[in-house]
Amino acid sequence: MDLKGKVAVVTGASAGVGRELAREFARQGARVICAARRIEKLKETVSLIEQEGGKAIYVQTDVTDREQVKHLFDETIRSFGQVDLLFNNAGRMTAIGASWEVDIDAWWQDIQVDLLGTFICCRTFLPHMIERNSGVIINMDGGGGTTGAFTGASAYGCAKVAIVRFTESLARELESIGSSVMAVCLNPGFVRSELSEKGVDTPYKAKWIPHVVDKLVNNKGVPADQCAKTTIKLLKVLAPELNGRAFKNGTDYEKVTQNLEKIKKENLLTLKYITLD
C-alpha cells in the first residue's frame, strides 16, 4: 500500500509509538486521524504533523467505549470520506505481579484496553472496508504475543497472544467472503514509552519484570519511530499470502517477498502448537 492520498487511523496516538506512527503516515502522504483519551497530547501530535506540512485531525477516544469508537469512525468519514488503514496501537500494561497476587480489576482493565479495544475498533471500521473491498488493519503485537510468556505481566501477555490469534481468525473470515481487506500483526520490539515506564512503576517490578527494568535503566530497546518505519516497509510488500500473519521489528521483507508461496503453504508466521511427532 502506498499511503499517498490514503486515510489512516491510529489509536493511542497521543505519545510514543502511536505518535510516531501518525507522524510517519503523514510524511508518506496520508491524511491521519489521531485517536486517544488525552486530548492535550493529541493536539501536540496533530501540531507536530502540521508543522511538517502534513494533514491530521484528532478525535478523543476511549477504545473500550463502543460509542466513542463509533464517533471516531463517523468523524473520520465526515472529514475524509473513507478509511484505508487502521492501526490498533492503544494499549495498557499496569497489572504487574504474580497471577495469584495481582489486582483483579487492574488485570481485567489491561485485557479490556488491549484486546477488547482492538476488537471494538475492528468491529466498527470493518463494515466500511468490506463495502469498499479495500483496506488494511494492523494490530499491535507485543510481549506475550508471538514472543512467548510474559512473566509478571500476564494480562498484557494474554491480551497480546489473543490479538495475534484474533488477527489470524479475522484474516480467514475476510478470505471466506472473498474480501480484499487484510489484517496483520506487528511487534515493534521493546520500546521505551509511557506504557513501559508505567508498567515498571510498581512495587513488584524488580521481582517480576526485571528484564523490562534492565532495558529502561540501561537505555536498551527500539526507538519509537522504528516501528513506524517498519510499518511502511510492511505495507509496501503486503500481499494476500501474508494476510493474518505476524511480523516483528527487523523482519527481512525482501526474504518475505521471495517466500510468499512457502509462507502460505506451510502456514508460517502464525501461532502454532508444535508436538514431538
C-alpha atoms as a PDB file:
ATOM      1  CA  MET A   1       0.000   0.000   0.000  1.00  0.00           C
ATOM      2  CA  ASP A   2       1.232   3.436  -0.972  1.00  0.00           C
ATOM      3  CA  LEU A   3      -0.059   5.847   1.686  1.00  0.00           C
ATOM      4  CA  LYS A   4      -0.124   8.888  -0.573  1.00  0.00           C
ATOM      5  CA  GLY A   5      -3.702  10.154  -0.634  1.00  0.00           C
ATOM      6  CA  LYS A   6      -4.862   7.450   1.781  1.00  0.00           C
ATOM      7  CA  VAL A   7      -6.648   7.877   5.121  1.00  0.00           C
ATOM      8  CA  ALA A   8      -5.062   6.323   8.210  1.00  0.00           C
ATOM      9  CA  VAL A   9      -6.487   5.995  11.720  1.00  0.00           C
ATOM     10  CA  VAL A  10      -4.081   5.479  14.618  1.00  0.00           C
ATOM     11  CA  THR A  11      -5.268   4.687  18.135  1.00  0.00           C
ATOM     12  CA  GLY A  12      -3.042   5.512  21.086  1.00  0.00           C
ATOM     13  CA  ALA A  13      -1.659   8.393  19.023  1.00  0.00           C
ATOM     14  CA  SER A  14      -1.070  10.730  21.959  1.00  0.00           C
ATOM     15  CA  ALA A  15       2.531   9.620  22.610  1.00  0.00           C
ATOM     16  CA  GLY A  16       5.222   7.027  21.997  1.00  0.00           C
ATOM     17  CA  VAL A  17       4.817   4.564  19.146  1.00  0.00           C
ATOM     18  CA  GLY A  18       1.339   5.844  18.281  1.00  0.00           C
ATOM     19  CA  ARG A  19       2.543   9.398  17.844  1.00  0.00           C
ATOM     20  CA  GLU A  20       5.446   8.293  15.661  1.00  0.00           C
ATOM     21  CA  LEU A  21       3.143   6.115  13.554  1.00  0.00           C
ATOM     22  CA  ALA A  22       0.840   9.072  12.944  1.00  0.00           C
ATOM     23  CA  ARG A  23       3.744  11.343  12.026  1.00  0.00           C
ATOM     24  CA  GLU A  24       5.293   8.851   9.628  1.00  0.00           C
ATOM     25  CA  PHE A  25       1.977   8.086   7.935  1.00  0.00           C
ATOM     26  CA  ALA A  26       1.514  11.813   7.371  1.00  0.00           C
ATOM     27  CA  ARG A  27       5.043  12.112   5.952  1.00  0.00           C
ATOM     28  CA  GLN A  28       4.111   9.373   3.493  1.00  0.00           C
ATOM     29  CA  GLY A  29       1.189  11.466   2.279  1.00  0.00           C
ATOM     30  CA  ALA A  30      -1.685  10.044   4.298  1.00  0.00           C
ATOM     31  CA  ARG A  31      -4.373  12.088   5.991  1.00  0.00           C
ATOM     32  CA  VAL A  32      -4.234  10.939   9.590  1.00  0.00           C
ATOM     33  CA  ILE A  33      -6.841  10.645  12.332  1.00  0.00           C
ATOM     34  CA  CYS A  34      -5.196  10.586  15.755  1.00  0.00           C
ATOM     35  CA  ALA A  35      -7.209   8.891  18.494  1.00  0.00           C
ATOM     36  CA  ALA A  36      -6.541   8.591  22.226  1.00  0.00           C
ATOM     37  CA  ARG A  37      -8.015   9.650  25.562  1.00  0.00           C
ATOM     38  CA  ARG A  38      -5.708  12.585  26.380  1.00  0.00           C
ATOM     39  CA  ILE A  39      -6.836  15.477  24.265  1.00  0.00           C
ATOM     40  CA  GLU A  40      -3.933  17.825  25.029  1.00  0.00           C
ATOM     41  CA  LYS A  41      -1.432  15.163  23.986  1.00  0.00           C
ATOM     42  CA  LEU A  42      -3.456  14.527  20.833  1.00  0.00           C
ATOM     43  CA  LYS A  43      -3.286  18.213  19.992  1.00  0.00           C
ATOM     44  CA  GLU A  44       0.503  18.027  20.326  1.00  0.00           C
ATOM     45  CA  THR A  45       0.641  15.113  17.877  1.00  0.00           C
ATOM     46  CA  VAL A  46      -1.508  16.934  15.330  1.00  0.00           C
ATOM     47  CA  SER A  47       0.570  20.093  15.753  1.00  0.00           C
ATOM     48  CA  LEU A  48       3.792  18.165  15.061  1.00  0.00           C
ATOM     49  CA  ILE A  49       2.267  16.719  11.905  1.00  0.00           C
ATOM     50  CA  GLU A  50       1.040  20.101  10.701  1.00  0.00           C
ATOM     51  CA  GLN A  51       4.448  21.673  11.343  1.00  0.00           C
ATOM     52  CA  GLU A  52       5.870  19.181   8.844  1.00  0.00           C
ATOM     53  CA  GLY A  53       3.224  20.041   6.269  1.00  0.00           C
ATOM     54  CA  GLY A  54       1.009  17.040   6.936  1.00  0.00           C
ATOM     55  CA  LYS A  55      -2.743  16.847   7.385  1.00  0.00           C
ATOM     56  CA  ALA A  56      -4.272  15.409  10.546  1.00  0.00           C
ATOM     57  CA  ILE A  57      -7.154  15.734  12.952  1.00  0.00           C
ATOM     58  CA  TYR A  58      -7.673  14.375  16.454  1.00  0.00           C
ATOM     59  CA  VAL A  59     -10.662  12.623  17.985  1.00  0.00           C
ATOM     60  CA  GLN A  60     -10.690  11.984  21.716  1.00  0.00           C
ATOM     61  CA  THR A  61     -11.436   8.275  22.060  1.00  0.00           C
ATOM     62  CA  ASP A  62     -11.529   5.568  24.702  1.00  0.00           C
ATOM     63  CA  VAL A  63     -11.214   2.388  22.630  1.00  0.00           C
ATOM     64  CA  THR A  64     -13.148   0.373  25.217  1.00  0.00           C
ATOM     65  CA  ASP A  65     -16.212   2.581  24.736  1.00  0.00           C
ATOM     66  CA  ARG A  66     -18.109   1.454  21.641  1.00  0.00           C
ATOM     67  CA  GLU A  67     -19.976   4.768  21.331  1.00  0.00           C
ATOM     68  CA  GLN A  68     -16.727   6.726  21.345  1.00  0.00           C
ATOM     69  CA  VAL A  69     -15.235   4.399  18.737  1.00  0.00           C
ATOM     70  CA  LYS A  70     -18.363   4.859  16.619  1.00  0.00           C
ATOM     71  CA  HIS A  71     -17.859   8.624  16.966  1.00  0.00           C
ATOM     72  CA  LEU A  72     -14.239   8.160  15.849  1.00  0.00           C
ATOM     73  CA  PHE A  73     -15.424   6.341  12.745  1.00  0.00           C
ATOM     74  CA  ASP A  74     -18.133   8.911  11.996  1.00  0.00           C
ATOM     75  CA  GLU A  75     -15.682  11.812  12.332  1.00  0.00           C
ATOM     76  CA  THR A  76     -13.218  10.052  10.053  1.00  0.00           C
ATOM     77  CA  ILE A  77     -15.823   9.576   7.340  1.00  0.00           C
ATOM     78  CA  ARG A  78     -17.176  13.102   7.793  1.00  0.00           C
ATOM     79  CA  SER A  79     -13.687  14.597   7.474  1.00  0.00           C
ATOM     80  CA  PHE A  80     -12.103  12.398   4.806  1.00  0.00           C
ATOM     81  CA  GLY A  81     -14.816  10.149   3.372  1.00  0.00           C
ATOM     82  CA  GLN A  82     -13.000   6.834   3.741  1.00  0.00           C
ATOM     83  CA  VAL A  83     -10.649   4.674   5.806  1.00  0.00           C
ATOM     84  CA  ASP A  84      -7.742   2.856   4.175  1.00  0.00           C
ATOM     85  CA  LEU A  85      -5.604   1.919   7.178  1.00  0.00           C
ATOM     86  CA  LEU A  86      -6.446   1.251  10.821  1.00  0.00           C
ATOM     87  CA  PHE A  87      -3.551   0.738  13.221  1.00  0.00           C
ATOM     88  CA  ASN A  88      -4.783  -0.556  16.583  1.00  0.00           C
ATOM     89  CA  ASN A  89      -1.972   0.655  18.782  1.00  0.00           C
ATOM     90  CA  ALA A  90      -3.738   1.728  22.004  1.00  0.00           C
ATOM     91  CA  GLY A  91      -2.517  -0.351  24.938  1.00  0.00           C
ATOM     92  CA  ARG A  92      -2.262  -0.680  28.687  1.00  0.00           C
ATOM     93  CA  MET A  93       0.094  -2.602  30.985  1.00  0.00           C
ATOM     94  CA  THR A  94      -0.449  -1.831  34.655  1.00  0.00           C
ATOM     95  CA  ALA A  95      -1.222  -5.203  36.263  1.00  0.00           C
ATOM     96  CA  ILE A  96       2.296  -6.244  37.305  1.00  0.00           C
ATOM     97  CA  GLY A  97       2.893  -9.162  39.625  1.00  0.00           C
ATOM     98  CA  ALA A  98       2.229 -12.844  40.068  1.00  0.00           C
ATOM     99  CA  SER A  99      -1.174 -14.034  38.890  1.00  0.00           C
ATOM    100  CA  TRP A 100      -2.055 -15.034  42.452  1.00  0.00           C
ATOM    101  CA  GLU A 101      -1.167 -11.595  43.803  1.00  0.00           C
ATOM    102  CA  VAL A 102      -2.036  -9.078  41.101  1.00  0.00           C
ATOM    103  CA  ASP A 103      -5.051  -6.787  41.453  1.00  0.00           C
ATOM    104  CA  ILE A 104      -8.005  -8.407  39.691  1.00  0.00           C
ATOM    105  CA  ASP A 105      -9.536  -5.165  38.443  1.00  0.00           C
ATOM    106  CA  ALA A 106      -6.214  -3.910  37.053  1.00  0.00           C
ATOM    107  CA  TRP A 107      -5.679  -7.274  35.324  1.00  0.00           C
ATOM    108  CA  TRP A 108      -9.077  -7.103  33.648  1.00  0.00           C
ATOM    109  CA  GLN A 109      -8.650  -3.458  32.656  1.00  0.00           C
ATOM    110  CA  ASP A 110      -5.450  -4.368  30.798  1.00  0.00           C
ATOM    111  CA  ILE A 111      -7.369  -7.048  28.907  1.00  0.00           C
ATOM    112  CA  GLN A 112     -10.166  -4.636  28.083  1.00  0.00           C
ATOM    113  CA  VAL A 113      -7.925  -1.922  26.648  1.00  0.00           C
ATOM    114  CA  ASP A 114      -5.561  -4.223  24.780  1.00  0.00           C
ATOM    115  CA  LEU A 115      -7.910  -6.913  23.481  1.00  0.00           C
ATOM    116  CA  LEU A 116     -11.460  -5.600  23.688  1.00  0.00           C
ATOM    117  CA  GLY A 117     -10.357  -2.181  22.410  1.00  0.00           C
ATOM    118  CA  THR A 118      -8.736  -3.799  19.381  1.00  0.00           C
ATOM    119  CA  PHE A 119     -11.862  -5.847  18.697  1.00  0.00           C
ATOM    120  CA  ILE A 120     -14.247  -2.879  19.029  1.00  0.00           C
ATOM    121  CA  CYS A 121     -12.199  -0.821  16.585  1.00  0.00           C
ATOM    122  CA  CYS A 122     -12.070  -3.687  14.079  1.00  0.00           C
ATOM    123  CA  ARG A 123     -15.773  -4.363  14.506  1.00  0.00           C
ATOM    124  CA  THR A 124     -16.590  -0.694  13.912  1.00  0.00           C
ATOM    125  CA  PHE A 125     -14.348   0.003  10.914  1.00  0.00           C
ATOM    126  CA  LEU A 126     -14.528  -3.314   9.062  1.00  0.00           C
ATOM    127  CA  PRO A 127     -18.011  -2.995   7.514  1.00  0.00           C
ATOM    128  CA  HIS A 128     -16.838   0.159   5.734  1.00  0.00           C
ATOM    129  CA  MET A 129     -13.656  -1.512   4.489  1.00  0.00           C
ATOM    130  CA  ILE A 130     -15.561  -4.610   3.367  1.00  0.00           C
ATOM    131  CA  GLU A 131     -18.071  -2.493   1.489  1.00  0.00           C
ATOM    132  CA  ARG A 132     -15.210  -0.753  -0.353  1.00  0.00           C
ATOM    133  CA  ASN A 133     -13.362  -4.077  -0.701  1.00  0.00           C
ATOM    134  CA  SER A 134     -10.204  -2.276   0.309  1.00  0.00           C
ATOM    135  CA  GLY A 135      -8.231  -1.600   3.461  1.00  0.00           C
ATOM    136  CA  VAL A 136      -5.579  -2.819   5.873  1.00  0.00           C
ATOM    137  CA  ILE A 137      -5.795  -3.379   9.621  1.00  0.00           C
ATOM    138  CA  ILE A 138      -2.615  -3.654  11.674  1.00  0.00           C
ATOM    139  CA  ASN A 139      -2.974  -4.913  15.235  1.00  0.00           C
ATOM    140  CA  MET A 140      -0.212  -4.355  17.749  1.00  0.00           C
ATOM    141  CA  ASP A 141       1.521  -7.484  18.978  1.00  0.00           C
ATOM    142  CA  GLY A 142       3.821  -7.215  21.960  1.00  0.00           C
ATOM    143  CA  GLY A 143       5.252  -9.038  24.950  1.00  0.00           C
ATOM    144  CA  GLY A 144       3.418 -12.319  25.368  1.00  0.00           C
ATOM    145  CA  GLY A 145       2.123 -12.461  21.816  1.00  0.00           C
ATOM    146  CA  THR A 146       4.468 -14.112  19.326  1.00  0.00           C
ATOM    147  CA  THR A 147       7.357 -13.699  21.779  1.00  0.00           C
ATOM    148  CA  GLY A 148       6.104 -16.207  24.348  1.00  0.00           C
ATOM    149  CA  ALA A 149       5.133 -15.958  28.000  1.00  0.00           C
ATOM    150  CA  PHE A 150       5.310 -12.550  29.675  1.00  0.00           C
ATOM    151  CA  THR A 151       6.094 -13.445  33.281  1.00  0.00           C
ATOM    152  CA  GLY A 152       4.789 -10.860  35.716  1.00  0.00           C
ATOM    153  CA  ALA A 153       2.506  -9.185  33.185  1.00  0.00           C
ATOM    154  CA  SER A 154       0.106 -11.999  32.387  1.00  0.00           C
ATOM    155  CA  ALA A 155      -2.820  -9.739  31.461  1.00  0.00           C
ATOM    156  CA  TYR A 156      -0.812  -7.870  28.859  1.00  0.00           C
ATOM    157  CA  GLY A 157       0.655 -11.130  27.596  1.00  0.00           C
ATOM    158  CA  CYS A 158      -2.722 -12.867  27.397  1.00  0.00           C
ATOM    159  CA  ALA A 159      -4.225  -9.920  25.534  1.00  0.00           C
ATOM    160  CA  LYS A 160      -1.401  -9.821  23.006  1.00  0.00           C
ATOM    161  CA  VAL A 161      -1.427 -13.520  22.206  1.00  0.00           C
ATOM    162  CA  ALA A 162      -5.213 -13.283  21.844  1.00  0.00           C
ATOM    163  CA  ILE A 163      -4.773 -10.365  19.440  1.00  0.00           C
ATOM    164  CA  VAL A 164      -2.447 -12.460  17.279  1.00  0.00           C
ATOM    165  CA  ARG A 165      -4.962 -15.326  17.118  1.00  0.00           C
ATOM    166  CA  PHE A 166      -7.839 -12.886  16.586  1.00  0.00           C
ATOM    167  CA  THR A 167      -5.962 -11.375  13.635  1.00  0.00           C
ATOM    168  CA  GLU A 168      -5.427 -14.821  12.121  1.00  0.00           C
ATOM    169  CA  SER A 169      -9.129 -15.607  12.532  1.00  0.00           C
ATOM    170  CA  LEU A 170     -10.140 -12.249  11.119  1.00  0.00           C
ATOM    171  CA  ALA A 171      -7.995 -12.780   8.025  1.00  0.00           C
ATOM    172  CA  ARG A 172      -9.551 -16.172   7.369  1.00  0.00           C
ATOM    173  CA  GLU A 173     -13.056 -14.720   7.797  1.00  0.00           C
ATOM    174  CA  LEU A 174     -12.303 -11.985   5.286  1.00  0.00           C
ATOM    175  CA  GLU A 175     -10.933 -14.505   2.824  1.00  0.00           C
ATOM    176  CA  SER A 176     -14.047 -16.663   3.221  1.00  0.00           C
ATOM    177  CA  ILE A 177     -16.225 -13.865   1.838  1.00  0.00           C
ATOM    178  CA  GLY A 178     -13.789 -13.025  -0.940  1.00  0.00           C
ATOM    179  CA  SER A 179     -12.781  -9.694   0.585  1.00  0.00           C
ATOM    180  CA  SER A 180      -9.535  -7.956  -0.357  1.00  0.00           C
ATOM    181  CA  VAL A 181      -9.274  -6.367   3.108  1.00  0.00           C
ATOM    182  CA  MET A 182      -6.230  -7.615   5.004  1.00  0.00           C
ATOM    183  CA  ALA A 183      -5.289  -7.841   8.688  1.00  0.00           C
ATOM    184  CA  VAL A 184      -1.803  -8.409  10.115  1.00  0.00           C
ATOM    185  CA  CYS A 185       0.070  -8.054  13.401  1.00  0.00           C
ATOM    186  CA  LEU A 186       3.251  -6.144  14.109  1.00  0.00           C
ATOM    187  CA  ASN A 187       5.573  -6.478  17.090  1.00  0.00           C
ATOM    188  CA  PRO A 188       7.791  -3.388  17.438  1.00  0.00           C
ATOM    189  CA  GLY A 189      10.166  -4.929  19.961  1.00  0.00           C
ATOM    190  CA  PHE A 190      10.823  -3.298  23.318  1.00  0.00           C
ATOM    191  CA  VAL A 191      10.177   0.435  23.090  1.00  0.00           C
ATOM    192  CA  ARG A 192      10.801   2.924  25.863  1.00  0.00           C
ATOM    193  CA  SER A 193       7.437   4.619  26.259  1.00  0.00           C
ATOM    194  CA  GLU A 194       4.934   5.800  28.829  1.00  0.00           C
ATOM    195  CA  LEU A 195       3.375   2.332  28.739  1.00  0.00           C
ATOM    196  CA  SER A 196       6.616   0.505  29.540  1.00  0.00           C
ATOM    197  CA  GLU A 197       7.677   3.092  32.114  1.00  0.00           C
ATOM    198  CA  LYS A 198       4.341   2.950  33.929  1.00  0.00           C
ATOM    199  CA  GLY A 199       4.397  -0.807  33.758  1.00  0.00           C
ATOM    200  CA  VAL A 200       7.534  -0.998  35.885  1.00  0.00           C
ATOM    201  CA  ASP A 201       6.470   1.694  38.323  1.00  0.00           C
ATOM    202  CA  THR A 202       5.005  -0.864  40.718  1.00  0.00           C
ATOM    203  CA  PRO A 203       6.108  -2.494  43.985  1.00  0.00           C
ATOM    204  CA  TYR A 204       6.752  -5.785  42.165  1.00  0.00           C
ATOM    205  CA  LYS A 205       8.835  -4.533  39.260  1.00  0.00           C
ATOM    206  CA  ALA A 206      12.234  -5.806  40.412  1.00  0.00           C
ATOM    207  CA  LYS A 207      10.860  -9.264  41.193  1.00  0.00           C
ATOM    208  CA  TRP A 208       8.565  -9.938  38.276  1.00  0.00           C
ATOM    209  CA  ILE A 209       9.751  -7.939  35.265  1.00  0.00           C
ATOM    210  CA  PRO A 210      13.466  -7.345  35.870  1.00  0.00           C
ATOM    211  CA  HIS A 211      14.196  -7.648  32.132  1.00  0.00           C
ATOM    212  CA  VAL A 212      12.000  -4.622  31.472  1.00  0.00           C
ATOM    213  CA  VAL A 213      13.596  -2.670  34.306  1.00  0.00           C
ATOM    214  CA  ASP A 214      17.041  -3.530  32.938  1.00  0.00           C
ATOM    215  CA  LYS A 215      16.173  -2.252  29.471  1.00  0.00           C
ATOM    216  CA  LEU A 216      14.813   1.006  30.866  1.00  0.00           C
ATOM    217  CA  VAL A 217      17.702   1.609  33.254  1.00  0.00           C
ATOM    218  CA  ASN A 218      20.334   0.809  30.617  1.00  0.00           C
ATOM    219  CA  ASN A 219      18.513   2.592  27.802  1.00  0.00           C
ATOM    220  CA  LYS A 220      18.129  -0.540  25.705  1.00  0.00           C
ATOM    221  CA  GLY A 221      15.416  -1.155  23.180  1.00  0.00           C
ATOM    222  CA  VAL A 222      13.999   0.137  19.924  1.00  0.00           C
ATOM    223  CA  PRO A 223      13.320   3.841  19.214  1.00  0.00           C
ATOM    224  CA  ALA A 224       9.613   4.647  18.976  1.00  0.00           C
ATOM    225  CA  ASP A 225       9.920   5.799  15.379  1.00  0.00           C
ATOM    226  CA  GLN A 226      11.440   2.469  14.310  1.00  0.00           C
ATOM    227  CA  CYS A 227       8.037   0.803  14.488  1.00  0.00           C
ATOM    228  CA  ALA A 228       6.687   3.422  12.082  1.00  0.00           C
ATOM    229  CA  LYS A 229       9.483   2.809   9.602  1.00  0.00           C
ATOM    230  CA  THR A 230       8.933  -0.957   9.864  1.00  0.00           C
ATOM    231  CA  THR A 231       5.230  -0.457   9.227  1.00  0.00           C
ATOM    232  CA  ILE A 232       5.941   1.395   5.990  1.00  0.00           C
ATOM    233  CA  LYS A 233       8.182  -1.466   4.833  1.00  0.00           C
ATOM    234  CA  LEU A 234       5.448  -3.969   5.661  1.00  0.00           C
ATOM    235  CA  LEU A 235       2.771  -2.007   3.815  1.00  0.00           C
ATOM    236  CA  LYS A 236       4.930  -1.868   0.698  1.00  0.00           C
ATOM    237  CA  VAL A 237       5.247  -5.661   0.465  1.00  0.00           C
ATOM    238  CA  LEU A 238       1.832  -6.650   1.791  1.00  0.00           C
ATOM    239  CA  ALA A 239       0.256  -9.367  -0.342  1.00  0.00           C
ATOM    240  CA  PRO A 240      -2.708 -11.757   0.042  1.00  0.00           C
ATOM    241  CA  GLU A 241      -0.328 -14.556   1.080  1.00  0.00           C
ATOM    242  CA  LEU A 242       0.608 -12.501   4.143  1.00  0.00           C
ATOM    243  CA  ASN A 243      -2.934 -11.954   5.360  1.00  0.00           C
ATOM    244  CA  GLY A 244      -3.257 -12.834   9.044  1.00  0.00           C
ATOM    245  CA  ARG A 245       0.491 -13.117   9.627  1.00  0.00           C
ATOM    246  CA  ALA A 246       2.545 -11.624  12.458  1.00  0.00           C
ATOM    247  CA  PHE A 247       5.696  -9.626  11.827  1.00  0.00           C
ATOM    248  CA  LYS A 248       8.349  -8.115  14.050  1.00  0.00           C
ATOM    249  CA  ASN A 249      10.792  -5.251  14.001  1.00  0.00           C
ATOM    250  CA  GLY A 250      13.802  -6.272  11.944  1.00  0.00           C
ATOM    251  CA  THR A 251      11.915  -8.610   9.622  1.00  0.00           C
ATOM    252  CA  ASP A 252      13.723  -9.134   6.320  1.00  0.00           C
ATOM    253  CA  TYR A 253      10.897  -8.162   3.983  1.00  0.00           C
ATOM    254  CA  GLU A 254      12.925  -8.968   0.880  1.00  0.00           C
ATOM    255  CA  LYS A 255      13.149 -12.540   2.139  1.00  0.00           C
ATOM    256  CA  VAL A 256       9.433 -12.471   2.910  1.00  0.00           C
ATOM    257  CA  THR A 257       8.524 -11.438  -0.644  1.00  0.00           C
ATOM    258  CA  GLN A 258      10.761 -14.188  -2.025  1.00  0.00           C
ATOM    259  CA  ASN A 259       8.904 -16.817   0.009  1.00  0.00           C
ATOM    260  CA  LEU A 260       5.233 -15.852  -0.286  1.00  0.00           C
ATOM    261  CA  GLU A 261       4.177 -19.255  -1.602  1.00  0.00           C
ATOM    262  CA  LYS A 262       6.074 -21.097   1.144  1.00  0.00           C
ATOM    263  CA  ILE A 263       4.647 -18.827   3.851  1.00  0.00           C
ATOM    264  CA  LYS A 264       1.109 -19.590   2.738  1.00  0.00           C
ATOM    265  CA  LYS A 265       1.620 -23.307   2.048  1.00  0.00           C
ATOM    266  CA  GLU A 266       3.365 -24.031   5.360  1.00  0.00           C
ATOM    267  CA  ASN A 267       1.270 -21.525   7.327  1.00  0.00           C
ATOM    268  CA  LEU A 268       4.325 -19.656   8.574  1.00  0.00           C
ATOM    269  CA  LEU A 269       4.402 -16.507  10.718  1.00  0.00           C
ATOM    270  CA  THR A 270       1.419 -17.718  12.763  1.00  0.00           C
ATOM    271  CA  LEU A 271       0.826 -19.189  16.215  1.00  0.00           C
ATOM    272  CA  LYS A 272       1.357 -22.949  16.189  1.00  0.00           C
ATOM    273  CA  TYR A 273       1.148 -25.936  18.501  1.00  0.00           C
ATOM    274  CA  ILE A 274       4.287 -27.964  17.828  1.00  0.00           C
ATOM    275  CA  THR A 275       4.338 -31.579  19.006  1.00  0.00           C
ATOM    276  CA  LEU A 276       7.071 -34.190  19.327  1.00  0.00           C
ATOM    277  CA  ASP A 277       5.759 -36.025  16.261  1.00  0.00           C
END
